[in-house]
């Protein structure tokens, strides 16, 4: 369907906001703003993995970007914390 058909369909249903948005597209869609963030300096950078296949496999705990903090930041009792650690999936080393 061409653009005129889409516009006509919207106008037949009384939806003029779509046609109005086309006239204001140059104020909303600014490609220079969309790519400007690529020129900004990095605030943080995740280290890239080693590319060589030689050497031992990395530890599972090293694969996490943010490793589990354990009890830090949580206000739970000791039995609950023990249950959480025992039932946590995918973190056994």
C-alpha atoms as a PDB file:
ATOM      1  CA  UNK A   1       0.000   0.000   0.000  1.00  0.00           C
ATOM      2  CA  UNK A   2       1.365   3.399  -0.900  1.00  0.00           C
ATOM      3  CA  UNK A   3       1.599   6.370   1.430  1.00  0.00           C
ATOM      4  CA  UNK A   4      -1.416   8.131  -0.090  1.00  0.00           C
ATOM      5  CA  UNK A   5      -3.541   5.045   0.575  1.00  0.00           C
ATOM      6  CA  UNK A   6      -2.400   4.888   4.189  1.00  0.00           C
ATOM      7  CA  UNK A   7      -3.124   8.601   4.661  1.00  0.00           C
ATOM      8  CA  UNK A   8      -6.553   8.252   3.017  1.00  0.00           C
ATOM      9  CA  UNK A   9      -7.402   5.316   5.276  1.00  0.00           C
ATOM     10  CA  UNK A  10      -6.498   7.326   8.376  1.00  0.00           C
ATOM     11  CA  UNK A  11      -8.446  10.373   7.193  1.00  0.00           C
ATOM     12  CA  UNK A  12     -11.539   8.253   6.494  1.00  0.00           C
ATOM     13  CA  UNK A  13     -11.506   7.255  10.145  1.00  0.00           C
ATOM     14  CA  UNK A  14     -11.015  10.841  11.299  1.00  0.00           C
ATOM     15  CA  UNK A  15      -7.410  10.295  12.327  1.00  0.00           C
ATOM     16  CA  UNK A  16      -5.641  13.462  11.258  1.00  0.00           C
ATOM     17  CA  UNK A  17      -2.706  13.090  13.648  1.00  0.00           C
ATOM     18  CA  UNK A  18      -0.840  10.818  11.204  1.00  0.00           C
ATOM     19  CA  UNK A  19      -1.026  13.370   8.381  1.00  0.00           C
ATOM     20  CA  UNK A  20      -0.083  16.145  10.794  1.00  0.00           C
ATOM     21  CA  UNK A  21       2.943  14.161  11.978  1.00  0.00           C
ATOM     22  CA  UNK A  22       4.235  13.897   8.412  1.00  0.00           C
ATOM     23  CA  UNK A  23       4.427  17.677   8.175  1.00  0.00           C
ATOM     24  CA  UNK A  24       6.404  17.849  11.430  1.00  0.00           C
ATOM     25  CA  UNK A  25       8.733  14.964  10.644  1.00  0.00           C
ATOM     26  CA  UNK A  26      11.769  17.194  10.122  1.00  0.00           C
ATOM     27  CA  UNK A  27      11.394  18.488  13.697  1.00  0.00           C
ATOM     28  CA  UNK A  28      11.112  15.019  15.196  1.00  0.00           C
ATOM     29  CA  UNK A  29      13.379  12.838  13.071  1.00  0.00           C
ATOM     30  CA  UNK A  30      16.893  14.280  13.217  1.00  0.00           C
ATOM     31  CA  UNK A  31      19.493  11.762  11.996  1.00  0.00           C
ATOM     32  CA  UNK A  32      22.365  13.879  13.351  1.00  0.00           C
ATOM     33  CA  UNK A  33      20.957  13.437  16.867  1.00  0.00           C
ATOM     34  CA  UNK A  34      20.474   9.697  16.370  1.00  0.00           C
ATOM     35  CA  UNK A  35      24.157   9.145  15.559  1.00  0.00           C
ATOM     36  CA  UNK A  36      25.621  11.840  17.824  1.00  0.00           C
ATOM     37  CA  UNK A  37      25.887   9.507  20.802  1.00  0.00           C
ATOM     38  CA  UNK A  38      28.414   7.383  18.900  1.00  0.00           C
ATOM     39  CA  UNK A  39      30.854  10.315  18.985  1.00  0.00           C
ATOM     40  CA  UNK A  40      30.635  10.713  22.779  1.00  0.00           C
ATOM     41  CA  UNK A  41      33.439   9.296  24.932  1.00  0.00           C
ATOM     42  CA  UNK A  42      32.744   5.993  26.660  1.00  0.00           C
ATOM     43  CA  UNK A  43      31.805   6.188  30.314  1.00  0.00           C
ATOM     44  CA  UNK A  44      32.438   2.482  30.830  1.00  0.00           C
ATOM     45  CA  UNK A  45      33.548  -0.321  28.601  1.00  0.00           C
ATOM     46  CA  UNK A  46      33.105  -4.039  29.054  1.00  0.00           C
ATOM     47  CA  UNK A  47      36.398  -5.837  28.416  1.00  0.00           C
ATOM     48  CA  UNK A  48      36.326  -8.059  25.357  1.00  0.00           C
ATOM     49  CA  UNK A  49      36.962 -11.788  25.837  1.00  0.00           C
ATOM     50  CA  UNK A  50      40.279 -13.274  24.787  1.00  0.00           C
ATOM     51  CA  UNK A  51      40.193 -14.281  21.141  1.00  0.00           C
ATOM     52  CA  UNK A  52      42.724 -17.111  21.255  1.00  0.00           C
ATOM     53  CA  UNK A  53      41.351 -20.603  21.730  1.00  0.00           C
ATOM     54  CA  UNK A  54      44.398 -21.661  23.744  1.00  0.00           C
ATOM     55  CA  UNK A  55      44.361 -21.778  27.492  1.00  0.00           C
ATOM     56  CA  UNK A  56      41.909 -22.932  30.120  1.00  0.00           C
ATOM     57  CA  UNK A  57      38.224 -22.156  29.922  1.00  0.00           C
ATOM     58  CA  UNK A  58      37.146 -19.116  31.939  1.00  0.00           C
ATOM     59  CA  UNK A  59      35.538 -19.646  35.312  1.00  0.00           C
ATOM     60  CA  UNK A  60      31.745 -19.511  35.294  1.00  0.00           C
ATOM     61  CA  UNK A  61      31.845 -16.704  37.828  1.00  0.00           C
ATOM     62  CA  UNK A  62      33.978 -14.641  35.429  1.00  0.00           C
ATOM     63  CA  UNK A  63      31.267 -14.791  32.767  1.00  0.00           C
ATOM     64  CA  UNK A  64      28.909 -12.579  34.734  1.00  0.00           C
ATOM     65  CA  UNK A  65      28.977  -8.875  33.933  1.00  0.00           C
ATOM     66  CA  UNK A  66      27.658  -8.133  37.401  1.00  0.00           C
ATOM     67  CA  UNK A  67      28.426 -11.052  39.714  1.00  0.00           C
ATOM     68  CA  UNK A  68      25.900 -11.956  42.417  1.00  0.00           C
ATOM     69  CA  UNK A  69      26.377  -9.677  45.421  1.00  0.00           C
ATOM     70  CA  UNK A  70      25.158 -12.209  47.937  1.00  0.00           C
ATOM     71  CA  UNK A  71      23.530 -10.687  50.963  1.00  0.00           C
ATOM     72  CA  UNK A  72      24.842  -7.185  50.294  1.00  0.00           C
ATOM     73  CA  UNK A  73      21.947  -4.840  49.682  1.00  0.00           C
ATOM     74  CA  UNK A  74      19.279  -7.297  50.837  1.00  0.00           C
ATOM     75  CA  UNK A  75      17.643  -7.362  54.226  1.00  0.00           C
ATOM     76  CA  UNK A  76      16.768 -11.046  54.647  1.00  0.00           C
ATOM     77  CA  UNK A  77      17.441 -13.499  57.444  1.00  0.00           C
ATOM     78  CA  UNK A  78      20.116 -16.204  57.408  1.00  0.00           C
ATOM     79  CA  UNK A  79      17.837 -19.223  56.662  1.00  0.00           C
ATOM     80  CA  UNK A  80      16.288 -17.388  53.697  1.00  0.00           C
ATOM     81  CA  UNK A  81      19.714 -16.406  52.379  1.00  0.00           C
ATOM     82  CA  UNK A  82      20.888 -20.023  52.677  1.00  0.00           C
ATOM     83  CA  UNK A  83      17.800 -21.188  50.745  1.00  0.00           C
ATOM     84  CA  UNK A  84      18.431 -18.622  48.003  1.00  0.00           C
ATOM     85  CA  UNK A  85      22.068 -19.701  47.618  1.00  0.00           C
ATOM     86  CA  UNK A  86      21.188 -23.416  47.572  1.00  0.00           C
ATOM     87  CA  UNK A  87      18.425 -23.030  44.981  1.00  0.00           C
ATOM     88  CA  UNK A  88      20.121 -20.462  42.706  1.00  0.00           C
ATOM     89  CA  UNK A  89      20.224 -21.890  39.185  1.00  0.00           C
ATOM     90  CA  UNK A  90      23.311 -21.846  36.977  1.00  0.00           C
ATOM     91  CA  UNK A  91      25.849 -20.495  39.435  1.00  0.00           C
ATOM     92  CA  UNK A  92      27.387 -23.657  40.811  1.00  0.00           C
ATOM     93  CA  UNK A  93      31.136 -23.651  40.275  1.00  0.00           C
END
